[in-house]
N, C-alpha and C. Protein backbone atom coordinates (compact mmCIF):
# COMPACT_ATOMS: atom_id res chain seq x y z
N MET A 1 -50.64 38.68 -251.90
CA MET A 1 -51.00 38.85 -250.52
C MET A 1 -51.68 40.22 -250.35
N LEU A 2 -52.79 40.24 -249.66
CA LEU A 2 -53.55 41.45 -249.43
C LEU A 2 -52.94 42.23 -248.27
N GLN A 3 -52.61 43.49 -248.50
CA GLN A 3 -52.00 44.34 -247.49
C GLN A 3 -52.95 45.48 -247.13
N PHE A 4 -53.11 45.73 -245.85
CA PHE A 4 -53.90 46.85 -245.36
C PHE A 4 -53.01 47.76 -244.53
N TYR A 5 -53.34 49.04 -244.51
CA TYR A 5 -52.65 49.99 -243.67
C TYR A 5 -53.61 50.39 -242.55
N LYS A 6 -53.19 50.18 -241.31
CA LYS A 6 -54.04 50.50 -240.16
C LYS A 6 -53.62 51.84 -239.58
N THR A 7 -54.61 52.68 -239.31
CA THR A 7 -54.38 53.99 -238.73
C THR A 7 -55.63 54.40 -237.96
N LYS A 8 -55.62 55.60 -237.40
CA LYS A 8 -56.79 56.10 -236.67
C LYS A 8 -57.32 57.34 -237.38
N ASN A 9 -58.65 57.44 -237.40
CA ASN A 9 -59.27 58.58 -238.06
C ASN A 9 -59.46 59.73 -237.08
N SER A 10 -60.14 60.78 -237.50
CA SER A 10 -60.30 61.98 -236.68
C SER A 10 -61.13 61.73 -235.42
N LEU A 11 -61.91 60.67 -235.40
CA LEU A 11 -62.70 60.31 -234.22
C LEU A 11 -61.97 59.33 -233.31
N ASN A 12 -60.70 59.08 -233.62
CA ASN A 12 -59.84 58.14 -232.89
C ASN A 12 -60.30 56.69 -233.04
N ASP A 13 -61.07 56.40 -234.10
CA ASP A 13 -61.46 55.04 -234.42
C ASP A 13 -60.41 54.42 -235.33
N GLU A 14 -60.13 53.15 -235.14
CA GLU A 14 -59.16 52.48 -236.00
C GLU A 14 -59.79 52.16 -237.34
N VAL A 15 -59.07 52.49 -238.42
CA VAL A 15 -59.52 52.17 -239.77
C VAL A 15 -58.42 51.40 -240.49
N SER A 16 -58.85 50.50 -241.36
CA SER A 16 -57.92 49.76 -242.20
C SER A 16 -58.15 50.20 -243.63
N ILE A 17 -57.07 50.62 -244.27
CA ILE A 17 -57.16 51.14 -245.63
C ILE A 17 -56.48 50.17 -246.58
N ASN A 18 -57.22 49.74 -247.59
CA ASN A 18 -56.64 48.91 -248.64
C ASN A 18 -56.06 49.87 -249.68
N PRO A 19 -54.73 49.93 -249.81
CA PRO A 19 -54.11 50.91 -250.70
C PRO A 19 -54.47 50.72 -252.17
N ASN A 20 -54.93 49.54 -252.56
CA ASN A 20 -55.30 49.30 -253.95
C ASN A 20 -56.59 50.03 -254.34
N TYR A 21 -57.36 50.50 -253.36
CA TYR A 21 -58.62 51.16 -253.63
C TYR A 21 -58.62 52.65 -253.27
N VAL A 22 -57.44 53.21 -252.99
CA VAL A 22 -57.33 54.63 -252.71
C VAL A 22 -57.29 55.39 -254.03
N THR A 23 -58.15 56.39 -254.18
CA THR A 23 -58.16 57.18 -255.41
C THR A 23 -57.51 58.54 -255.23
N GLN A 24 -57.51 59.06 -254.00
CA GLN A 24 -56.93 60.38 -253.79
C GLN A 24 -56.52 60.55 -252.33
N ILE A 25 -55.41 61.26 -252.14
CA ILE A 25 -54.96 61.65 -250.81
C ILE A 25 -54.62 63.13 -250.89
N GLU A 26 -55.22 63.92 -250.00
CA GLU A 26 -54.93 65.35 -250.01
C GLU A 26 -54.63 65.84 -248.60
N SER A 27 -53.77 66.83 -248.54
CA SER A 27 -53.37 67.44 -247.28
C SER A 27 -54.47 68.39 -246.82
N ILE A 28 -54.77 68.33 -245.53
CA ILE A 28 -55.80 69.19 -244.94
C ILE A 28 -55.15 70.02 -243.84
N GLY A 29 -55.42 71.30 -243.84
CA GLY A 29 -54.92 72.18 -242.78
C GLY A 29 -53.43 72.39 -242.84
N SER A 30 -52.78 72.22 -241.70
CA SER A 30 -51.35 72.53 -241.58
C SER A 30 -50.45 71.45 -242.15
N GLY A 31 -51.01 70.40 -242.70
CA GLY A 31 -50.19 69.33 -243.28
C GLY A 31 -50.09 68.10 -242.41
N ASN A 32 -50.64 68.16 -241.21
CA ASN A 32 -50.61 66.99 -240.33
C ASN A 32 -51.84 66.11 -240.50
N TRP A 33 -52.81 66.57 -241.24
CA TRP A 33 -54.02 65.80 -241.49
C TRP A 33 -54.12 65.50 -242.98
N SER A 34 -54.61 64.30 -243.29
CA SER A 34 -54.78 63.89 -244.68
C SER A 34 -56.19 63.34 -244.88
N MET A 35 -56.79 63.69 -246.01
CA MET A 35 -58.08 63.14 -246.39
C MET A 35 -57.83 62.05 -247.42
N VAL A 36 -58.20 60.82 -247.08
CA VAL A 36 -58.03 59.68 -247.97
C VAL A 36 -59.38 59.35 -248.59
N THR A 37 -59.46 59.38 -249.91
CA THR A 37 -60.70 59.07 -250.61
C THR A 37 -60.54 57.71 -251.28
N MET A 38 -61.51 56.84 -251.00
CA MET A 38 -61.50 55.49 -251.57
C MET A 38 -62.31 55.49 -252.88
N ASN A 39 -62.16 54.44 -253.69
CA ASN A 39 -62.86 54.40 -254.97
C ASN A 39 -64.37 54.28 -254.80
N SER A 40 -64.83 53.90 -253.62
CA SER A 40 -66.27 53.82 -253.33
C SER A 40 -66.85 55.19 -252.96
N GLY A 41 -65.96 56.19 -252.79
CA GLY A 41 -66.40 57.52 -252.39
C GLY A 41 -66.25 57.77 -250.90
N LYS A 42 -66.02 56.72 -250.12
CA LYS A 42 -65.85 56.88 -248.68
C LYS A 42 -64.56 57.64 -248.40
N GLN A 43 -64.60 58.51 -247.40
CA GLN A 43 -63.43 59.31 -247.05
C GLN A 43 -63.03 59.08 -245.61
N HIS A 44 -61.72 59.11 -245.37
CA HIS A 44 -61.16 58.97 -244.03
C HIS A 44 -60.26 60.18 -243.77
N LEU A 45 -60.51 60.88 -242.68
CA LEU A 45 -59.64 61.97 -242.26
C LEU A 45 -58.70 61.40 -241.21
N VAL A 46 -57.40 61.33 -241.53
CA VAL A 46 -56.43 60.71 -240.64
C VAL A 46 -55.35 61.72 -240.25
N ASN A 47 -54.82 61.54 -239.05
CA ASN A 47 -53.80 62.45 -238.51
C ASN A 47 -52.41 61.97 -238.93
N GLU A 48 -52.12 62.12 -240.23
CA GLU A 48 -50.82 61.73 -240.77
C GLU A 48 -50.44 62.69 -241.88
N ASN A 49 -49.16 62.91 -242.03
CA ASN A 49 -48.64 63.75 -243.10
C ASN A 49 -48.97 63.13 -244.44
N CYS A 50 -49.46 63.93 -245.36
CA CYS A 50 -49.91 63.46 -246.67
C CYS A 50 -48.80 62.74 -247.43
N TYR A 51 -47.60 63.33 -247.44
CA TYR A 51 -46.49 62.75 -248.21
C TYR A 51 -46.02 61.42 -247.62
N LYS A 52 -45.93 61.35 -246.30
CA LYS A 52 -45.51 60.11 -245.65
C LYS A 52 -46.56 59.02 -245.83
N LEU A 53 -47.82 59.40 -245.72
CA LEU A 53 -48.91 58.45 -245.90
C LEU A 53 -48.92 57.91 -247.33
N THR A 54 -48.75 58.80 -248.29
CA THR A 54 -48.71 58.39 -249.70
C THR A 54 -47.59 57.39 -249.95
N ASP A 55 -46.43 57.67 -249.38
CA ASP A 55 -45.29 56.77 -249.55
C ASP A 55 -45.57 55.40 -248.96
N LYS A 56 -46.15 55.35 -247.77
CA LYS A 56 -46.46 54.07 -247.12
C LYS A 56 -47.48 53.27 -247.93
N LEU A 57 -48.54 53.94 -248.38
CA LEU A 57 -49.58 53.25 -249.13
C LEU A 57 -49.08 52.78 -250.50
N GLU A 58 -48.22 53.57 -251.13
CA GLU A 58 -47.66 53.18 -252.43
C GLU A 58 -46.80 51.92 -252.28
N LYS A 59 -46.01 51.88 -251.23
CA LYS A 59 -45.15 50.70 -251.01
C LYS A 59 -46.00 49.46 -250.78
N LEU A 60 -47.08 49.60 -249.99
CA LEU A 60 -47.96 48.45 -249.74
C LEU A 60 -48.64 47.98 -251.02
N ALA A 61 -49.10 48.93 -251.83
CA ALA A 61 -49.85 48.58 -253.05
C ALA A 61 -48.95 47.97 -254.12
N ASN A 62 -47.74 48.50 -254.26
CA ASN A 62 -46.89 48.09 -255.39
C ASN A 62 -45.82 47.08 -255.04
N TYR A 63 -45.38 47.08 -253.81
CA TYR A 63 -44.23 46.25 -253.47
C TYR A 63 -44.50 45.31 -252.32
N ASP A 64 -45.76 45.08 -251.99
CA ASP A 64 -46.14 44.18 -250.91
C ASP A 64 -45.48 44.53 -249.58
N GLY A 65 -45.34 45.82 -249.31
CA GLY A 65 -44.84 46.27 -248.03
C GLY A 65 -43.33 46.31 -247.88
N CYS A 66 -42.60 46.01 -248.95
CA CYS A 66 -41.13 46.00 -248.86
C CYS A 66 -40.58 47.39 -248.99
């Protein structure tokens, strides 16, 4: 089953992230912003804690959201 993570980017636009294609997540600024880099090179700046976001995406990619 294909799982996507829905969030909002820095422009307040809704984005859907397929965790299977995320290559890097890094913390930006004070830790409340994360830069998500996809394998295509596209980047999303989202207002989420890097560690919490990583945990959510890992669960979706490896455990089908469980």
